[in-house]
Amino acid sequence: MELMSLVALTCQKRVLESLVDEMTDLLAVDRQASVVLYGLTRKEKDGFILLGWHTNHIPGEFLRKLQTDEDVYDFAVFDPPYRWTLSDVARTIERKEPNEHDEPRR
């Protein structure tokens, strides 16, 4: 399934898992979006979540929720230069070479 729009957000490390669970439950209702990827940033070790929409419209209500959610540091909305599929994202992640700054994969 193609990803039409993406939302990247950052949060505190301590709330990452609960925020992923919350987003997964929230997005499962209409199945128009899903959690594509989540983890920790390299430099500050903040949490990040990448959400993918299968439509080209992200509901304003959802964006307002992100804007007011105290657990969300910041977020960005963008359209990929071409339509990514979940397989494209997975292949990109698999090709990443680990370096000395990476934490071990779980």
N, C-alpha and C. Protein backbone atom coordinates (compact mmCIF):
# COMPACT_ATOMS: atom_id res chain seq x y z
N MET A 1 0.83 -1.17 0.00
CA MET A 1 0.00 0.00 0.00
C MET A 1 0.89 1.25 0.00
N GLU A 2 0.57 2.22 -0.82
CA GLU A 2 1.37 3.43 -0.94
C GLU A 2 1.16 4.37 0.24
N LEU A 3 2.22 5.09 0.58
CA LEU A 3 2.14 6.13 1.60
C LEU A 3 2.08 7.47 0.87
N MET A 4 1.01 8.20 1.08
CA MET A 4 0.80 9.46 0.38
C MET A 4 1.36 10.65 1.14
N SER A 5 1.27 10.63 2.46
CA SER A 5 1.76 11.71 3.30
C SER A 5 2.41 11.12 4.54
N LEU A 6 3.38 11.82 5.08
CA LEU A 6 4.10 11.35 6.25
C LEU A 6 4.09 12.42 7.34
N VAL A 7 4.05 11.97 8.59
CA VAL A 7 4.19 12.86 9.74
C VAL A 7 5.32 12.29 10.59
N ALA A 8 6.32 13.12 10.85
CA ALA A 8 7.42 12.74 11.73
C ALA A 8 7.27 13.55 13.01
N LEU A 9 7.34 12.88 14.15
CA LEU A 9 7.22 13.61 15.41
C LEU A 9 8.29 13.16 16.38
N THR A 10 8.62 14.05 17.31
CA THR A 10 9.60 13.74 18.34
C THR A 10 8.93 13.88 19.70
N CYS A 11 9.46 13.11 20.66
CA CYS A 11 8.89 13.09 22.01
C CYS A 11 9.98 12.69 23.00
N GLN A 12 9.64 12.76 24.27
CA GLN A 12 10.58 12.30 25.30
C GLN A 12 10.75 10.79 25.19
N LYS A 13 11.94 10.33 25.47
CA LYS A 13 12.25 8.90 25.41
C LYS A 13 11.32 8.11 26.34
N ARG A 14 11.03 8.64 27.52
CA ARG A 14 10.24 7.91 28.52
C ARG A 14 8.79 7.69 28.10
N VAL A 15 8.27 8.48 27.15
CA VAL A 15 6.87 8.32 26.73
C VAL A 15 6.75 7.67 25.36
N LEU A 16 7.88 7.29 24.74
CA LEU A 16 7.86 6.78 23.37
C LEU A 16 6.93 5.58 23.22
N GLU A 17 7.13 4.55 24.03
CA GLU A 17 6.32 3.32 23.89
C GLU A 17 4.83 3.59 24.08
N SER A 18 4.48 4.38 25.09
CA SER A 18 3.06 4.66 25.32
C SER A 18 2.47 5.51 24.20
N LEU A 19 3.27 6.43 23.65
CA LEU A 19 2.78 7.25 22.53
C LEU A 19 2.62 6.41 21.27
N VAL A 20 3.52 5.47 21.03
CA VAL A 20 3.38 4.55 19.89
C VAL A 20 2.09 3.74 20.05
N ASP A 21 1.85 3.21 21.24
CA ASP A 21 0.61 2.45 21.49
C ASP A 21 -0.62 3.31 21.26
N GLU A 22 -0.58 4.55 21.77
CA GLU A 22 -1.71 5.47 21.59
C GLU A 22 -1.95 5.76 20.11
N MET A 23 -0.88 6.04 19.36
CA MET A 23 -1.01 6.35 17.93
C MET A 23 -1.50 5.12 17.16
N THR A 24 -0.99 3.96 17.51
CA THR A 24 -1.42 2.73 16.83
C THR A 24 -2.91 2.52 17.02
N ASP A 25 -3.38 2.67 18.25
CA ASP A 25 -4.82 2.50 18.53
C ASP A 25 -5.65 3.56 17.82
N LEU A 26 -5.20 4.80 17.88
CA LEU A 26 -5.94 5.90 17.26
C LEU A 26 -6.04 5.73 15.75
N LEU A 27 -4.94 5.34 15.12
CA LEU A 27 -4.92 5.23 13.66
C LEU A 27 -5.59 3.96 13.15
N ALA A 28 -5.74 2.96 14.02
CA ALA A 28 -6.37 1.70 13.61
C ALA A 28 -7.87 1.85 13.40
N VAL A 29 -8.44 2.91 13.93
CA VAL A 29 -9.90 3.10 13.85
C VAL A 29 -10.37 3.17 12.41
N ASP A 30 -9.76 4.02 11.59
CA ASP A 30 -10.22 4.14 10.20
C ASP A 30 -9.25 3.54 9.18
N ARG A 31 -8.11 3.03 9.66
CA ARG A 31 -7.12 2.34 8.82
C ARG A 31 -6.60 3.18 7.66
N GLN A 32 -6.63 4.50 7.82
CA GLN A 32 -6.11 5.39 6.79
C GLN A 32 -4.64 5.71 7.00
N ALA A 33 -4.10 5.31 8.17
CA ALA A 33 -2.71 5.62 8.50
C ALA A 33 -2.17 4.55 9.43
N SER A 34 -0.85 4.53 9.56
CA SER A 34 -0.22 3.56 10.45
C SER A 34 1.13 4.07 10.94
N VAL A 35 1.61 3.47 12.01
CA VAL A 35 2.95 3.76 12.50
C VAL A 35 3.92 3.01 11.59
N VAL A 36 4.80 3.73 10.93
CA VAL A 36 5.74 3.15 9.98
C VAL A 36 7.04 2.76 10.67
N LEU A 37 7.51 3.64 11.57
CA LEU A 37 8.81 3.45 12.19
C LEU A 37 8.85 4.26 13.47
N TYR A 38 9.56 3.75 14.47
CA TYR A 38 9.79 4.54 15.68
C TYR A 38 11.10 4.10 16.31
N GLY A 39 11.65 4.98 17.15
CA GLY A 39 12.92 4.67 17.79
C GLY A 39 13.46 5.89 18.50
N LEU A 40 14.79 5.95 18.63
CA LEU A 40 15.45 7.06 19.31
C LEU A 40 16.35 7.80 18.33
N THR A 41 16.41 9.11 18.48
CA THR A 41 17.32 9.89 17.65
C THR A 41 18.75 9.64 18.09
N ARG A 42 19.68 9.83 17.20
CA ARG A 42 21.08 9.51 17.48
C ARG A 42 21.75 10.48 18.44
N LYS A 43 21.52 11.75 18.26
CA LYS A 43 22.26 12.74 19.04
C LYS A 43 21.67 12.94 20.44
N GLU A 44 20.41 13.26 20.52
CA GLU A 44 19.79 13.60 21.81
C GLU A 44 19.08 12.42 22.46
N LYS A 45 18.93 11.31 21.75
CA LYS A 45 18.23 10.13 22.26
C LYS A 45 16.78 10.44 22.61
N ASP A 46 16.17 11.37 21.85
CA ASP A 46 14.74 11.62 21.98
C ASP A 46 13.99 10.54 21.22
N GLY A 47 12.74 10.36 21.55
CA GLY A 47 11.91 9.43 20.81
C GLY A 47 11.46 10.06 19.50
N PHE A 48 11.28 9.22 18.47
CA PHE A 48 10.68 9.71 17.23
C PHE A 48 9.69 8.67 16.73
N ILE A 49 8.70 9.15 16.02
CA ILE A 49 7.69 8.27 15.41
C ILE A 49 7.44 8.79 14.00
N LEU A 50 7.41 7.88 13.04
CA LEU A 50 7.07 8.21 11.66
C LEU A 50 5.73 7.57 11.36
N LEU A 51 4.76 8.40 11.00
CA LEU A 51 3.41 7.94 10.69
C LEU A 51 3.19 8.08 9.19
N GLY A 52 2.58 7.09 8.56
CA GLY A 52 2.31 7.14 7.14
C GLY A 52 0.82 7.11 6.86
N TRP A 53 0.38 8.05 6.00
CA TRP A 53 -1.02 8.10 5.59
C TRP A 53 -1.18 7.48 4.22
N HIS A 54 -2.23 6.71 4.05
CA HIS A 54 -2.51 6.05 2.77
C HIS A 54 -3.45 6.89 1.91
N THR A 55 -3.76 8.07 2.39
CA THR A 55 -4.56 9.04 1.64
C THR A 55 -3.73 10.33 1.58
N ASN A 56 -4.14 11.27 0.75
CA ASN A 56 -3.38 12.51 0.68
C ASN A 56 -4.00 13.61 1.55
N HIS A 57 -4.78 13.21 2.56
CA HIS A 57 -5.36 14.17 3.48
C HIS A 57 -5.15 13.70 4.92
N ILE A 58 -4.45 14.51 5.69
CA ILE A 58 -4.28 14.24 7.11
C ILE A 58 -5.33 15.08 7.83
N PRO A 59 -6.19 14.45 8.61
CA PRO A 59 -7.27 15.21 9.26
C PRO A 59 -6.74 16.33 10.15
N GLY A 60 -7.36 17.50 10.05
CA GLY A 60 -6.98 18.65 10.87
C GLY A 60 -7.11 18.35 12.35
N GLU A 61 -8.10 17.55 12.70
CA GLU A 61 -8.30 17.18 14.11
C GLU A 61 -7.07 16.43 14.65
N PHE A 62 -6.50 15.56 13.84
CA PHE A 62 -5.31 14.83 14.26
C PHE A 62 -4.12 15.78 14.44
N LEU A 63 -3.95 16.70 13.50
CA LEU A 63 -2.84 17.66 13.59
C LEU A 63 -3.01 18.57 14.80
N ARG A 64 -4.24 18.96 15.11
CA ARG A 64 -4.49 19.77 16.30
C ARG A 64 -4.15 18.99 17.57
N LYS A 65 -4.43 17.68 17.56
CA LYS A 65 -4.08 16.85 18.71
C LYS A 65 -2.57 16.85 18.93
N LEU A 66 -1.81 16.70 17.84
CA LEU A 66 -0.35 16.73 17.96
C LEU A 66 0.13 18.09 18.47
N GLN A 67 -0.50 19.16 17.99
CA GLN A 67 -0.12 20.51 18.38
C GLN A 67 -0.30 20.74 19.88
N THR A 68 -1.32 20.14 20.47
CA THR A 68 -1.63 20.40 21.88
C THR A 68 -1.12 19.31 22.82
N ASP A 69 -0.67 18.19 22.29
CA ASP A 69 -0.21 17.07 23.12
C ASP A 69 1.12 17.44 23.78
N GLU A 70 1.15 17.48 25.11
CA GLU A 70 2.35 17.87 25.84
C GLU A 70 3.49 16.86 25.69
N ASP A 71 3.17 15.62 25.34
CA ASP A 71 4.21 14.60 25.15
C ASP A 71 4.94 14.73 23.82
N VAL A 72 4.36 15.47 22.87
CA VAL A 72 4.96 15.65 21.55
C VAL A 72 5.79 16.92 21.56
N TYR A 73 7.12 16.77 21.37
CA TYR A 73 8.00 17.95 21.30
C TYR A 73 7.69 18.77 20.06
N ASP A 74 7.67 18.10 18.92
CA ASP A 74 7.48 18.80 17.65
C ASP A 74 7.08 17.78 16.59
N PHE A 75 6.58 18.27 15.46
CA PHE A 75 6.23 17.37 14.36
C PHE A 75 6.35 18.11 13.04
N ALA A 76 6.50 17.32 11.97
CA ALA A 76 6.57 17.87 10.62
C ALA A 76 5.71 17.00 9.72
N VAL A 77 5.04 17.65 8.78
CA VAL A 77 4.19 16.96 7.80
C VAL A 77 4.83 17.16 6.44
N PHE A 78 4.97 16.07 5.69
CA PHE A 78 5.52 16.22 4.35
C PHE A 78 5.03 15.11 3.44
N ASP A 79 5.14 15.41 2.15
CA ASP A 79 4.81 14.43 1.12
C ASP A 79 6.12 13.94 0.54
N PRO A 80 6.30 12.62 0.45
CA PRO A 80 7.54 12.11 -0.13
C PRO A 80 7.63 12.51 -1.60
N PRO A 81 8.86 12.59 -2.14
CA PRO A 81 9.02 12.99 -3.53
C PRO A 81 8.38 11.99 -4.50
N TYR A 82 8.23 10.77 -4.07
CA TYR A 82 7.48 9.79 -4.84
C TYR A 82 6.74 8.93 -3.83
N ARG A 83 5.84 8.13 -4.28
CA ARG A 83 5.01 7.35 -3.38
C ARG A 83 5.76 6.15 -2.84
N TRP A 84 6.04 6.15 -1.54
CA TRP A 84 6.72 5.05 -0.89
C TRP A 84 5.71 4.00 -0.48
N THR A 85 6.15 2.77 -0.48
CA THR A 85 5.35 1.70 0.10
C THR A 85 6.03 1.31 1.41
N LEU A 86 5.34 0.57 2.23
CA LEU A 86 5.95 0.09 3.46
C LEU A 86 7.16 -0.78 3.15
N SER A 87 7.14 -1.50 2.05
CA SER A 87 8.29 -2.32 1.64
C SER A 87 9.50 -1.45 1.33
N ASP A 88 9.28 -0.28 0.69
CA ASP A 88 10.38 0.65 0.41
C ASP A 88 11.03 1.10 1.71
N VAL A 89 10.23 1.43 2.70
CA VAL A 89 10.75 1.88 3.99
C VAL A 89 11.56 0.76 4.64
N ALA A 90 11.02 -0.46 4.61
CA ALA A 90 11.72 -1.60 5.22
C ALA A 90 13.05 -1.87 4.54
N ARG A 91 13.08 -1.81 3.20
CA ARG A 91 14.33 -2.04 2.48
C ARG A 91 15.36 -0.96 2.81
N THR A 92 14.92 0.29 2.96
CA THR A 92 15.83 1.38 3.31
C THR A 92 16.42 1.16 4.68
N ILE A 93 15.63 0.72 5.62
CA ILE A 93 16.11 0.47 6.98
C ILE A 93 17.09 -0.69 6.99
N GLU A 94 16.81 -1.75 6.25
CA GLU A 94 17.68 -2.92 6.21
C GLU A 94 19.04 -2.60 5.63
N ARG A 95 19.12 -1.65 4.69
CA ARG A 95 20.38 -1.29 4.06
C ARG A 95 21.27 -0.44 4.95
N LYS A 96 20.71 0.15 5.99
CA LYS A 96 21.48 1.04 6.85
C LYS A 96 22.62 0.28 7.51
N GLU A 97 23.79 0.80 7.37
CA GLU A 97 24.97 0.21 7.99
C GLU A 97 25.08 0.71 9.43
N PRO A 98 25.21 -0.17 10.41
CA PRO A 98 25.39 0.30 11.79
C PRO A 98 26.75 0.96 11.95
N ASN A 99 26.83 1.90 12.89
CA ASN A 99 28.12 2.50 13.20
C ASN A 99 28.31 2.49 14.71
N GLU A 100 29.43 3.04 15.16
CA GLU A 100 29.77 2.96 16.57
C GLU A 100 28.81 3.72 17.47
N HIS A 101 27.99 4.61 16.92
CA HIS A 101 27.05 5.39 17.73
C HIS A 101 25.69 4.72 17.85
N ASP A 102 25.44 3.71 17.06
CA ASP A 102 24.14 3.03 17.09
C ASP A 102 24.00 2.15 18.33
N GLU A 103 22.77 2.12 18.84
CA GLU A 103 22.48 1.18 19.90
C GLU A 103 22.16 -0.17 19.25
N PRO A 104 22.39 -1.26 19.96
CA PRO A 104 22.08 -2.58 19.39
C PRO A 104 20.59 -2.67 19.03
N ARG A 105 20.30 -3.34 17.94
CA ARG A 105 18.90 -3.56 17.55
C ARG A 105 18.26 -4.58 18.47
N ARG A 106 17.00 -4.39 18.71
CA ARG A 106 16.24 -5.31 19.56
C ARG A 106 15.52 -6.32 18.74
